[in-house]
Amino acid sequence: MLYFLALCRNKTQEVSTRPVQTQHCGLRVPAVSSIPSSEHAPAEGVVELDRRAARSLQALTIPRIIHQVFLDGLGALEREEEREERESSQLRRFDRRWRDACSQWHPGWQHRFWDNAAAEALLEERYAWFLPTFHAYPRVVHKGDALRPFLLHAFGGLYLDVDVECFEAVDDSLDGFDVVLQLEDGGNKSLNNAVMAGVPGHALWAKMQVLMHERAPFLLEKHNTTRSPEEMARAVLFATGPWLLRDAFRAVTLEAGRLAGGYAGAHTVAGTRYMIYELGQWFTPCEWTDLACHALVDIAAASRTSLPGIL
């Protein structure tokens, strides 16, 4: 069992992360089908596959594009990285070395950083129906969360938060799948929206868009009325974060009662090949509070080795 297939480490587990990007990532792709209604769901039928069988079906179809978002702009991100470097913070939110590592491990990939101007240009050109919702979000972190499924729907590829450090190339972990996701914790029922990969135009990304549009009034109401940080955190999880990704995944896979044993593993549903990696198998090697695990990860990263059984 390979537990340190941890390609990257999510450094800061926040309710949502702040966004990034610097220029309009202008690859123009053909117009995709319109957003389905919230009632849309694929035909029934779930076939369990092991990973080897799934990978044998087709070569890599997920575009080799890494998307990262920091809506305040690349310059603002670099200033934050420099500030934390000067302060030698033990628990950093940003570190230039993390982004550099992901670039170094993926030399043949396109790397796209999205700032607010680039985000608005994409939405105006391709998803104008969502612009009023995007503008209504009260915090930049909500906008950063909301942008992610639009990037993947328009271009496909791999979305990474800016606090992710890469330890290996990601290509093999995507090979043969149409959508690749990560469990957020050991509970096998929560999906992490800090790392997501897939083909463009997929129904999962469209469903996330629809749910964000539908749940935005709830988020705004909570922002304007609640005084509880915990309640506000739950509202963000529900309206733009991991809970929304989970609910969208359930909707497009008709999940209820069908994925026996939880989400983890390879599944083919209505022609889509999904891979859901467990904690410790992809971008998140450790529970956030497991300090011993994080120490082992640091050792492995420094020595560029893999440590089995670190969880």
C-alpha atoms as a PDB file:
ATOM      1  CA  MET A   1       0.000   0.000   0.000  1.00  0.00           C
ATOM      2  CA  LEU A   2       1.415   3.352  -1.021  1.00  0.00           C
ATOM      3  CA  TYR A   3       0.308   6.022   1.421  1.00  0.00           C
ATOM      4  CA  PHE A   4       2.824   8.627   0.381  1.00  0.00           C
ATOM      5  CA  LEU A   5       1.531   8.973  -3.135  1.00  0.00           C
ATOM      6  CA  ALA A   6       0.810  12.390  -1.646  1.00  0.00           C
ATOM      7  CA  LEU A   7       1.609  14.451  -4.694  1.00  0.00           C
ATOM      8  CA  CYS A   8       0.997  17.663  -2.828  1.00  0.00           C
ATOM      9  CA  ARG A   9       0.180  18.904   0.592  1.00  0.00           C
ATOM     10  CA  ASN A  10      -2.644  21.299   1.332  1.00  0.00           C
ATOM     11  CA  LYS A  11      -0.849  23.650   3.718  1.00  0.00           C
ATOM     12  CA  THR A  12      -3.716  25.644   5.147  1.00  0.00           C
ATOM     13  CA  GLN A  13      -7.066  24.039   5.729  1.00  0.00           C
ATOM     14  CA  GLU A  14      -9.357  27.036   5.675  1.00  0.00           C
ATOM     15  CA  VAL A  15     -13.074  27.200   5.049  1.00  0.00           C
ATOM     16  CA  SER A  16     -12.156  28.660   1.655  1.00  0.00           C
ATOM     17  CA  THR A  17      -8.879  29.826   0.266  1.00  0.00           C
ATOM     18  CA  ARG A  18      -8.177  33.181  -1.241  1.00  0.00           C
ATOM     19  CA  PRO A  19      -7.970  33.234  -5.022  1.00  0.00           C
ATOM     20  CA  VAL A  20      -5.036  34.024  -7.666  1.00  0.00           C
ATOM     21  CA  GLN A  21      -4.480  34.978 -11.314  1.00  0.00           C
ATOM     22  CA  THR A  22      -2.709  37.285 -13.367  1.00  0.00           C
ATOM     23  CA  GLN A  23      -3.780  37.405 -16.935  1.00  0.00           C
ATOM     24  CA  HIS A  24      -6.809  36.368 -18.904  1.00  0.00           C
ATOM     25  CA  CYS A  25      -6.008  32.774 -19.698  1.00  0.00           C
ATOM     26  CA  GLY A  26      -7.165  33.142 -23.196  1.00  0.00           C
ATOM     27  CA  LEU A  27      -7.340  29.651 -24.677  1.00  0.00           C
ATOM     28  CA  ARG A  28     -10.600  29.859 -26.572  1.00  0.00           C
ATOM     29  CA  VAL A  29     -12.588  26.651 -26.722  1.00  0.00           C
ATOM     30  CA  PRO A  30     -15.828  25.906 -28.547  1.00  0.00           C
ATOM     31  CA  ALA A  31     -19.009  26.827 -26.761  1.00  0.00           C
ATOM     32  CA  VAL A  32     -20.262  24.045 -24.532  1.00  0.00           C
ATOM     33  CA  SER A  33     -23.816  22.996 -23.879  1.00  0.00           C
ATOM     34  CA  SER A  34     -25.941  25.186 -21.651  1.00  0.00           C
ATOM     35  CA  ILE A  35     -26.086  24.671 -17.914  1.00  0.00           C
ATOM     36  CA  PRO A  36     -28.496  21.840 -17.088  1.00  0.00           C
ATOM     37  CA  SER A  37     -31.367  22.373 -14.743  1.00  0.00           C
ATOM     38  CA  SER A  38     -30.897  21.467 -11.095  1.00  0.00           C
ATOM     39  CA  GLU A  39     -33.051  18.392 -11.713  1.00  0.00           C
ATOM     40  CA  HIS A  40     -30.659  17.016 -14.340  1.00  0.00           C
ATOM     41  CA  ALA A  41     -29.091  13.653 -13.540  1.00  0.00           C
ATOM     42  CA  PRO A  42     -27.433  10.969 -15.657  1.00  0.00           C
ATOM     43  CA  ALA A  43     -28.976   7.626 -16.451  1.00  0.00           C
ATOM     44  CA  GLU A  44     -28.854   5.025 -13.728  1.00  0.00           C
ATOM     45  CA  GLY A  45     -26.122   2.464 -13.479  1.00  0.00           C
ATOM     46  CA  VAL A  46     -22.944   2.282 -11.469  1.00  0.00           C
ATOM     47  CA  VAL A  47     -20.153  -0.082 -12.378  1.00  0.00           C
ATOM     48  CA  GLU A  48     -17.307  -0.493  -9.922  1.00  0.00           C
ATOM     49  CA  LEU A  49     -13.873  -0.658 -11.494  1.00  0.00           C
ATOM     50  CA  ASP A  50     -10.459  -1.172 -10.047  1.00  0.00           C
ATOM     51  CA  ARG A  51      -7.898   1.421 -10.976  1.00  0.00           C
ATOM     52  CA  ARG A  52      -6.028  -0.746 -13.475  1.00  0.00           C
ATOM     53  CA  ALA A  53      -9.203  -1.503 -15.397  1.00  0.00           C
ATOM     54  CA  ALA A  54     -10.138   2.155 -15.448  1.00  0.00           C
ATOM     55  CA  ARG A  55      -6.709   3.241 -16.646  1.00  0.00           C
ATOM     56  CA  SER A  56      -6.766   0.673 -19.461  1.00  0.00           C
ATOM     57  CA  LEU A  57      -9.874   2.238 -20.993  1.00  0.00           C
ATOM     58  CA  GLN A  58      -8.226   5.353 -22.371  1.00  0.00           C
ATOM     59  CA  ALA A  59      -5.104   7.481 -22.238  1.00  0.00           C
ATOM     60  CA  LEU A  60      -5.049  10.752 -20.319  1.00  0.00           C
ATOM     61  CA  THR A  61      -8.004  12.893 -21.388  1.00  0.00           C
ATOM     62  CA  ILE A  62      -7.837  15.562 -18.682  1.00  0.00           C
ATOM     63  CA  PRO A  63      -6.065  18.568 -20.225  1.00  0.00           C
ATOM     64  CA  ARG A  64      -2.607  19.310 -18.913  1.00  0.00           C
ATOM     65  CA  ILE A  65      -3.495  22.674 -17.413  1.00  0.00           C
ATOM     66  CA  ILE A  66      -2.945  23.769 -13.811  1.00  0.00           C
ATOM     67  CA  HIS A  67      -5.303  26.509 -12.631  1.00  0.00           C
ATOM     68  CA  GLN A  68      -4.614  28.603  -9.539  1.00  0.00           C
ATOM     69  CA  VAL A  69      -6.626  31.556  -8.281  1.00  0.00           C
ATOM     70  CA  PHE A  70      -5.711  34.627  -6.259  1.00  0.00           C
ATOM     71  CA  LEU A  71      -8.201  37.322  -7.112  1.00  0.00           C
ATOM     72  CA  ASP A  72      -6.171  40.117  -5.524  1.00  0.00           C
ATOM     73  CA  GLY A  73      -3.538  39.491  -8.193  1.00  0.00           C
ATOM     74  CA  LEU A  74      -0.196  37.765  -8.567  1.00  0.00           C
ATOM     75  CA  GLY A  75       1.650  40.781  -7.193  1.00  0.00           C
ATOM     76  CA  ALA A  76      -0.424  40.662  -4.016  1.00  0.00           C
ATOM     77  CA  LEU A  77       0.269  36.948  -3.642  1.00  0.00           C
ATOM     78  CA  GLU A  78       4.004  37.485  -4.062  1.00  0.00           C
ATOM     79  CA  ARG A  79       3.947  40.224  -1.413  1.00  0.00           C
ATOM     80  CA  GLU A  80       2.174  37.850   0.987  1.00  0.00           C
ATOM     81  CA  GLU A  81       4.772  35.164   0.285  1.00  0.00           C
ATOM     82  CA  GLU A  82       7.620  37.618   0.896  1.00  0.00           C
ATOM     83  CA  ARG A  83       6.050  38.878   4.122  1.00  0.00           C
ATOM     84  CA  GLU A  84       5.675  35.386   5.535  1.00  0.00           C
ATOM     85  CA  GLU A  85       9.238  34.556   4.487  1.00  0.00           C
ATOM     86  CA  ARG A  86      10.518  37.588   6.429  1.00  0.00           C
ATOM     87  CA  GLU A  87       8.449  36.728   9.483  1.00  0.00           C
ATOM     88  CA  SER A  88       9.547  33.071   9.393  1.00  0.00           C
ATOM     89  CA  SER A  89       6.069  31.964  10.317  1.00  0.00           C
ATOM     90  CA  GLN A  90       5.929  28.358  11.483  1.00  0.00           C
ATOM     91  CA  LEU A  91       2.476  27.838   9.995  1.00  0.00           C
ATOM     92  CA  ARG A  92       2.510  29.675   6.699  1.00  0.00           C
ATOM     93  CA  ARG A  93      -0.445  30.409   4.478  1.00  0.00           C
ATOM     94  CA  PHE A  94       1.704  31.148   1.433  1.00  0.00           C
ATOM     95  CA  ASP A  95       5.151  30.124   0.221  1.00  0.00           C
ATOM     96  CA  ARG A  96       6.602  30.728  -3.242  1.00  0.00           C
ATOM     97  CA  ARG A  97       8.416  27.397  -3.052  1.00  0.00           C
ATOM     98  CA  TRP A  98       5.099  25.545  -3.071  1.00  0.00           C
ATOM     99  CA  ARG A  99       4.040  27.081  -6.375  1.00  0.00           C
ATOM    100  CA  ASP A 100       7.520  26.622  -7.817  1.00  0.00           C
ATOM    101  CA  ALA A 101       7.493  22.931  -6.890  1.00  0.00           C
ATOM    102  CA  CYS A 102       4.244  22.377  -8.785  1.00  0.00           C
ATOM    103  CA  SER A 103       5.689  24.121 -11.848  1.00  0.00           C
ATOM    104  CA  GLN A 104       8.920  22.119 -11.678  1.00  0.00           C
ATOM    105  CA  TRP A 105       7.087  18.804 -11.463  1.00  0.00           C
ATOM    106  CA  HIS A 106       4.892  19.668 -14.472  1.00  0.00           C
ATOM    107  CA  PRO A 107       7.175  21.233 -17.108  1.00  0.00           C
ATOM    108  CA  GLY A 108       4.958  20.215 -20.032  1.00  0.00           C
ATOM    109  CA  TRP A 109       1.790  21.659 -18.526  1.00  0.00           C
ATOM    110  CA  GLN A 110       0.189  25.050 -19.021  1.00  0.00           C
ATOM    111  CA  HIS A 111       0.041  27.080 -15.803  1.00  0.00           C
ATOM    112  CA  ARG A 112      -2.735  29.633 -15.484  1.00  0.00           C
ATOM    113  CA  PHE A 113      -3.104  32.113 -12.648  1.00  0.00           C
ATOM    114  CA  TRP A 114      -6.397  33.936 -12.394  1.00  0.00           C
ATOM    115  CA  ASP A 115      -6.932  37.378 -10.892  1.00  0.00           C
ATOM    116  CA  ASN A 116     -10.238  39.212 -10.605  1.00  0.00           C
ATOM    117  CA  ALA A 117      -9.983  40.853 -14.030  1.00  0.00           C
ATOM    118  CA  ALA A 118      -9.326  37.513 -15.724  1.00  0.00           C
ATOM    119  CA  ALA A 119     -12.151  35.886 -13.774  1.00  0.00           C
ATOM    120  CA  GLU A 120     -14.652  38.557 -14.748  1.00  0.00           C
ATOM    121  CA  ALA A 121     -13.557  38.415 -18.391  1.00  0.00           C
ATOM    122  CA  LEU A 122     -14.166  34.664 -18.507  1.00  0.00           C
ATOM    123  CA  LEU A 123     -17.546  34.923 -16.808  1.00  0.00           C
ATOM    124  CA  GLU A 124     -18.660  37.782 -19.035  1.00  0.00           C
ATOM    125  CA  GLU A 125     -17.660  35.907 -22.182  1.00  0.00           C
ATOM    126  CA  ARG A 126     -18.888  32.429 -21.287  1.00  0.00           C
ATOM    127  CA  TYR A 127     -21.134  32.556 -18.206  1.00  0.00           C
ATOM    128  CA  ALA A 128     -22.753  35.974 -18.129  1.00  0.00           C
ATOM    129  CA  TRP A 129     -25.775  34.537 -16.303  1.00  0.00           C
ATOM    130  CA  PHE A 130     -23.557  34.065 -13.212  1.00  0.00           C
ATOM    131  CA  LEU A 131     -21.977  37.530 -13.116  1.00  0.00           C
ATOM    132  CA  PRO A 132     -24.657  39.097 -10.842  1.00  0.00           C
ATOM    133  CA  THR A 133     -24.140  36.268  -8.349  1.00  0.00           C
ATOM    134  CA  PHE A 134     -20.353  36.619  -8.571  1.00  0.00           C
ATOM    135  CA  HIS A 135     -20.583  40.358  -7.927  1.00  0.00           C
ATOM    136  CA  ALA A 136     -22.970  39.821  -5.006  1.00  0.00           C
ATOM    137  CA  TYR A 137     -20.581  37.636  -3.003  1.00  0.00           C
ATOM    138  CA  PRO A 138     -19.541  39.720   0.027  1.00  0.00           C
ATOM    139  CA  ARG A 139     -15.966  38.416   0.326  1.00  0.00           C
ATOM    140  CA  VAL A 140     -13.205  37.712  -2.139  1.00  0.00           C
ATOM    141  CA  VAL A 141     -12.826  34.209  -0.708  1.00  0.00           C
ATOM    142  CA  HIS A 142     -16.390  33.377  -1.786  1.00  0.00           C
ATOM    143  CA  LYS A 143     -15.616  34.544  -5.310  1.00  0.00           C
ATOM    144  CA  GLY A 144     -12.440  32.478  -5.378  1.00  0.00           C
ATOM    145  CA  ASP A 145     -14.341  29.364  -4.384  1.00  0.00           C
ATOM    146  CA  ALA A 146     -17.074  30.054  -6.917  1.00  0.00           C
ATOM    147  CA  LEU A 147     -14.696  30.509  -9.848  1.00  0.00           C
ATOM    148  CA  ARG A 148     -13.250  26.987  -9.680  1.00  0.00           C
ATOM    149  CA  PRO A 149     -15.999  24.983 -11.437  1.00  0.00           C
ATOM    150  CA  PHE A 150     -16.179  27.614 -14.179  1.00  0.00           C
ATOM    151  CA  LEU A 151     -12.466  27.178 -14.922  1.00  0.00           C
ATOM    152  CA  LEU A 152     -12.796  23.410 -15.065  1.00  0.00           C
ATOM    153  CA  HIS A 153     -16.005  23.561 -17.099  1.00  0.00           C
ATOM    154  CA  ALA A 154     -14.466  25.954 -19.636  1.00  0.00           C
ATOM    155  CA  PHE A 155     -10.978  24.478 -19.958  1.00  0.00           C
ATOM    156  CA  GLY A 156     -10.662  21.283 -17.930  1.00  0.00           C
ATOM    157  CA  GLY A 157      -7.395  20.491 -16.200  1.00  0.00           C
ATOM    158  CA  LEU A 158      -6.290  20.495 -12.577  1.00  0.00           C
ATOM    159  CA  TYR A 159      -7.314  23.126 -10.040  1.00  0.00           C
ATOM    160  CA  LEU A 160      -4.914  23.636  -7.106  1.00  0.00           C
ATOM    161  CA  ASP A 161      -5.153  26.023  -4.187  1.00  0.00           C
ATOM    162  CA  VAL A 162      -2.104  28.274  -3.901  1.00  0.00           C
ATOM    163  CA  ASP A 163      -1.136  26.668  -0.580  1.00  0.00           C
ATOM    164  CA  VAL A 164      -0.426  23.290  -2.203  1.00  0.00           C
ATOM    165  CA  GLU A 165       3.083  21.871  -2.527  1.00  0.00           C
ATOM    166  CA  CYS A 166       3.779  19.220  -5.174  1.00  0.00           C
ATOM    167  CA  PHE A 167       6.056  16.272  -4.450  1.00  0.00           C
ATOM    168  CA  GLU A 168       5.530  14.311  -7.678  1.00  0.00           C
ATOM    169  CA  ALA A 169       4.106  14.708 -11.162  1.00  0.00           C
ATOM    170  CA  VAL A 170       0.356  14.225 -11.247  1.00  0.00           C
ATOM    171  CA  ASP A 171      -0.002  12.664 -14.717  1.00  0.00           C
ATOM    172  CA  ASP A 172      -0.257   9.002 -13.715  1.00  0.00           C
ATOM    173  CA  SER A 173      -2.882   9.725 -11.064  1.00  0.00           C
ATOM    174  CA  LEU A 174      -5.178  11.257 -13.713  1.00  0.00           C
ATOM    175  CA  ASP A 175      -4.552   8.717 -16.460  1.00  0.00           C
ATOM    176  CA  GLY A 176      -7.720   6.976 -17.622  1.00  0.00           C
ATOM    177  CA  PHE A 177     -10.192   9.109 -15.673  1.00  0.00           C
ATOM    178  CA  ASP A 178     -12.557  11.918 -16.587  1.00  0.00           C
ATOM    179  CA  VAL A 179     -12.981  13.401 -13.095  1.00  0.00           C
ATOM    180  CA  VAL A 180     -10.532  13.024 -10.201  1.00  0.00           C
ATOM    181  CA  LEU A 181     -11.332  14.183  -6.673  1.00  0.00           C
ATOM    182  CA  GLN A 182      -9.918  13.843  -3.157  1.00  0.00           C
ATOM    183  CA  LEU A 183     -11.586  12.845   0.080  1.00  0.00           C
ATOM    184  CA  GLU A 184     -11.247  15.672   2.577  1.00  0.00           C
ATOM    185  CA  ASP A 185     -10.840  13.487   5.660  1.00  0.00           C
ATOM    186  CA  GLY A 186     -10.949   9.892   6.805  1.00  0.00           C
ATOM    187  CA  GLY A 187     -14.743   9.834   6.925  1.00  0.00           C
ATOM    188  CA  ASN A 188     -15.083   8.840   3.243  1.00  0.00           C
ATOM    189  CA  LYS A 189     -18.007  11.212   2.735  1.00  0.00           C
ATOM    190  CA  SER A 190     -16.501  14.704   2.388  1.00  0.00           C
ATOM    191  CA  LEU A 191     -14.841  15.898  -0.834  1.00  0.00           C
ATOM    192  CA  ASN A 192     -12.044  18.466  -0.983  1.00  0.00           C
ATOM    193  CA  ASN A 193     -12.574  21.434  -3.315  1.00  0.00           C
ATOM    194  CA  ALA A 194      -8.942  22.578  -2.913  1.00  0.00           C
ATOM    195  CA  VAL A 195      -7.804  19.997  -5.507  1.00  0.00           C
ATOM    196  CA  MET A 196     -10.049  18.929  -8.390  1.00  0.00           C
ATOM    197  CA  ALA A 197      -9.334  17.666 -11.887  1.00  0.00           C
ATOM    198  CA  GLY A 198     -11.421  16.773 -14.887  1.00  0.00           C
ATOM    199  CA  VAL A 199     -12.414  17.179 -18.492  1.00  0.00           C
ATOM    200  CA  PRO A 200     -14.048  20.387 -19.731  1.00  0.00           C
ATOM    201  CA  GLY A 201     -17.810  20.643 -20.081  1.00  0.00           C
ATOM    202  CA  HIS A 202     -18.534  17.956 -17.499  1.00  0.00           C
ATOM    203  CA  ALA A 203     -21.910  17.809 -15.763  1.00  0.00           C
ATOM    204  CA  LEU A 204     -20.269  17.887 -12.318  1.00  0.00           C
ATOM    205  CA  TRP A 205     -18.825  21.357 -12.929  1.00  0.00           C
ATOM    206  CA  ALA A 206     -22.154  22.538 -14.350  1.00  0.00           C
ATOM    207  CA  LYS A 207     -24.028  21.180 -11.337  1.00  0.00           C
ATOM    208  CA  MET A 208     -21.663  23.000  -8.993  1.00  0.00           C
ATOM    209  CA  GLN A 209     -22.378  26.224 -10.869  1.00  0.00           C
ATOM    210  CA  VAL A 210     -26.134  25.749 -10.539  1.00  0.00           C
ATOM    211  CA  LEU A 211     -25.906  24.970  -6.812  1.00  0.00           C
ATOM    212  CA  MET A 212     -23.724  28.023  -6.188  1.00  0.00           C
ATOM    213  CA  HIS A 213     -26.277  30.211  -7.933  1.00  0.00           C
ATOM    214  CA  GLU A 214     -29.126  28.669  -5.922  1.00  0.00           C
ATOM    215  CA  ARG A 215     -27.322  28.883  -2.567  1.00  0.00           C
ATOM    216  CA  ALA A 216     -25.930  32.405  -2.921  1.00  0.00           C
ATOM    217  CA  PRO A 217     -28.982  34.066  -1.259  1.00  0.00           C
ATOM    218  CA  PHE A 218     -28.513  31.809   1.778  1.00  0.00           C
ATOM    219  CA  LEU A 219     -24.842  32.808   2.036  1.00  0.00           C
ATOM    220  CA  LEU A 220     -25.690  36.495   1.734  1.00  0.00           C
ATOM    221  CA  GLU A 221     -28.377  36.213   4.401  1.00  0.00           C
ATOM    222  CA  LYS A 222     -25.959  34.501   6.796  1.00  0.00           C
ATOM    223  CA  HIS A 223     -23.256  37.073   6.080  1.00  0.00           C
ATOM    224  CA  ASN A 224     -25.654  39.900   6.924  1.00  0.00           C
ATOM    225  CA  THR A 225     -27.261  38.371  10.015  1.00  0.00           C
ATOM    226  CA  THR A 226     -25.084  35.833  11.806  1.00  0.00           C
ATOM    227  CA  ARG A 227     -22.601  36.763  14.532  1.00  0.00           C
ATOM    228  CA  SER A 228     -21.322  33.227  14.950  1.00  0.00           C
ATOM    229  CA  PRO A 229     -18.032  32.402  13.166  1.00  0.00           C
ATOM    230  CA  GLU A 230     -18.922  28.721  13.307  1.00  0.00           C
ATOM    231  CA  GLU A 231     -22.298  29.296  11.689  1.00  0.00           C
ATOM    232  CA  MET A 232     -20.737  31.463   8.994  1.00  0.00           C
ATOM    233  CA  ALA A 233     -18.100  28.808   8.326  1.00  0.00           C
ATOM    234  CA  ARG A 234     -20.809  26.202   7.816  1.00  0.00           C
ATOM    235  CA  ALA A 235     -22.638  28.557   5.455  1.00  0.00           C
ATOM    236  CA  VAL A 236     -19.517  28.895   3.295  1.00  0.00           C
ATOM    237  CA  LEU A 237     -18.965  25.132   3.266  1.00  0.00           C
ATOM    238  CA  PHE A 238     -22.563  24.719   2.092  1.00  0.00           C
ATOM    239  CA  ALA A 239     -22.712  27.570  -0.423  1.00  0.00           C
ATOM    240  CA  THR A 240     -19.301  27.493  -2.150  1.00  0.00           C
ATOM    241  CA  GLY A 241     -17.113  24.900  -0.426  1.00  0.00           C
ATOM    242  CA  PRO A 242     -16.612  21.150   0.060  1.00  0.00           C
ATOM    243  CA  TRP A 243     -20.220  20.449   1.048  1.00  0.00           C
ATOM    244  CA  LEU A 244     -21.390  21.937  -2.230  1.00  0.00           C
ATOM    245  CA  LEU A 245     -18.931  19.749  -4.166  1.00  0.00           C
ATOM    246  CA  ARG A 246     -20.196  16.713  -2.260  1.00  0.00           C
ATOM    247  CA  ASP A 247     -23.821  17.551  -3.035  1.00  0.00           C
ATOM    248  CA  ALA A 248     -23.066  18.132  -6.720  1.00  0.00           C
ATOM    249  CA  PHE A 249     -21.221  14.809  -6.900  1.00  0.00           C
ATOM    250  CA  ARG A 250     -24.158  13.055  -5.289  1.00  0.00           C
ATOM    251  CA  ALA A 251     -26.555  14.637  -7.764  1.00  0.00           C
ATOM    252  CA  VAL A 252     -24.689  13.758 -10.951  1.00  0.00           C
ATOM    253  CA  THR A 253     -23.872  10.204  -9.841  1.00  0.00           C
ATOM    254  CA  LEU A 254     -27.246   9.415  -8.252  1.00  0.00           C
ATOM    255  CA  GLU A 255     -25.047   8.604  -5.269  1.00  0.00           C
ATOM    256  CA  ALA A 256     -27.691   7.760  -2.677  1.00  0.00           C
ATOM    257  CA  GLY A 257     -27.423   4.064  -1.935  1.00  0.00           C
ATOM    258  CA  ARG A 258     -25.306   3.328  -4.982  1.00  0.00           C
ATOM    259  CA  LEU A 259     -21.636   3.785  -4.099  1.00  0.00           C
ATOM    260  CA  ALA A 260     -21.369   1.029  -1.542  1.00  0.00           C
ATOM    261  CA  GLY A 261     -18.670   1.648   1.029  1.00  0.00           C
ATOM    262  CA  GLY A 262     -18.408   5.353   0.344  1.00  0.00           C
ATOM    263  CA  TYR A 263     -16.889   7.463  -2.377  1.00  0.00           C
ATOM    264  CA  ALA A 264     -13.314   6.165  -2.419  1.00  0.00           C
ATOM    265  CA  GLY A 265     -12.078   4.326  -5.474  1.00  0.00           C
ATOM    266  CA  ALA A 266     -12.814   4.181  -9.186  1.00  0.00           C
ATOM    267  CA  HIS A 267     -16.395   4.316 -10.419  1.00  0.00           C
ATOM    268  CA  THR A 268     -17.922   4.490 -13.876  1.00  0.00           C
ATOM    269  CA  VAL A 269     -21.266   6.289 -13.830  1.00  0.00           C
ATOM    270  CA  ALA A 270     -23.217   7.110 -17.006  1.00  0.00           C
ATOM    271  CA  GLY A 271     -20.056   6.935 -19.082  1.00  0.00           C
ATOM    272  CA  THR A 272     -17.901   9.061 -16.759  1.00  0.00           C
ATOM    273  CA  ARG A 273     -14.845   7.488 -15.170  1.00  0.00           C
ATOM    274  CA  TYR A 274     -14.451   8.932 -11.671  1.00  0.00           C
ATOM    275  CA  MET A 275     -11.501   8.418  -9.347  1.00  0.00           C
ATOM    276  CA  ILE A 276     -11.863   9.447  -5.711  1.00  0.00           C
ATOM    277  CA  TYR A 277      -8.570   9.251  -3.842  1.00  0.00           C
ATOM    278  CA  GLU A 278      -8.519   8.614  -0.120  1.00  0.00           C
ATOM    279  CA  LEU A 279      -6.712  10.775   2.388  1.00  0.00           C
ATOM    280  CA  GLY A 280      -3.050   9.818   2.099  1.00  0.00           C
ATOM    281  CA  GLN A 281      -3.215   8.750  -1.542  1.00  0.00           C
ATOM    282  CA  TRP A 282      -3.128  11.989  -3.526  1.00  0.00           C
ATOM    283  CA  PHE A 283      -2.825  15.638  -2.485  1.00  0.00           C
ATOM    284  CA  THR A 284      -3.505  15.360   1.236  1.00  0.00           C
ATOM    285  CA  PRO A 285      -1.233  12.901   3.038  1.00  0.00           C
ATOM    286  CA  CYS A 286      -2.302  13.762   6.590  1.00  0.00           C
ATOM    287  CA  GLU A 287      -5.155  14.815   8.769  1.00  0.00           C
ATOM    288  CA  TRP A 288      -4.626  18.528   9.468  1.00  0.00           C
ATOM    289  CA  THR A 289      -4.108  17.906  13.198  1.00  0.00           C
ATOM    290  CA  ASP A 290      -1.792  14.878  12.813  1.00  0.00           C
ATOM    291  CA  LEU A 291       1.545  16.544  13.586  1.00  0.00           C
ATOM    292  CA  ALA A 292       3.501  13.282  13.560  1.00  0.00           C
ATOM    293  CA  CYS A 293       2.308  12.569  10.041  1.00  0.00           C
ATOM    294  CA  HIS A 294       3.279  16.070   8.902  1.00  0.00           C
ATOM    295  CA  ALA A 295       6.765  15.590  10.354  1.00  0.00           C
ATOM    296  CA  LEU A 296       7.193  12.409   8.301  1.00  0.00           C
ATOM    297  CA  VAL A 297       5.977  14.234   5.209  1.00  0.00           C
ATOM    298  CA  ASP A 298       8.606  16.938   5.768  1.00  0.00           C
ATOM    299  CA  ILE A 299      11.315  14.277   6.024  1.00  0.00           C
ATOM    300  CA  ALA A 300      10.137  12.582   2.849  1.00  0.00           C
ATOM    301  CA  ALA A 301       9.909  15.876   0.976  1.00  0.00           C
ATOM    302  CA  ALA A 302      13.428  16.859   1.997  1.00  0.00           C
ATOM    303  CA  SER A 303      14.868  13.489   0.978  1.00  0.00           C
ATOM    304  CA  ARG A 304      12.592  13.112  -2.082  1.00  0.00           C
ATOM    305  CA  THR A 305      11.521   9.650  -0.926  1.00  0.00           C
ATOM    306  CA  SER A 306       8.212   7.953  -0.241  1.00  0.00           C
ATOM    307  CA  LEU A 307       7.266   6.717   3.203  1.00  0.00           C
ATOM    308  CA  PRO A 308       4.671   3.926   3.257  1.00  0.00           C
ATOM    309  CA  GLY A 309       2.092   3.730   6.005  1.00  0.00           C
ATOM    310  CA  ILE A 310       2.454   7.238   7.364  1.00  0.00           C
ATOM    311  CA  LEU A 311      -1.217   7.625   8.267  1.00  0.00           C
END
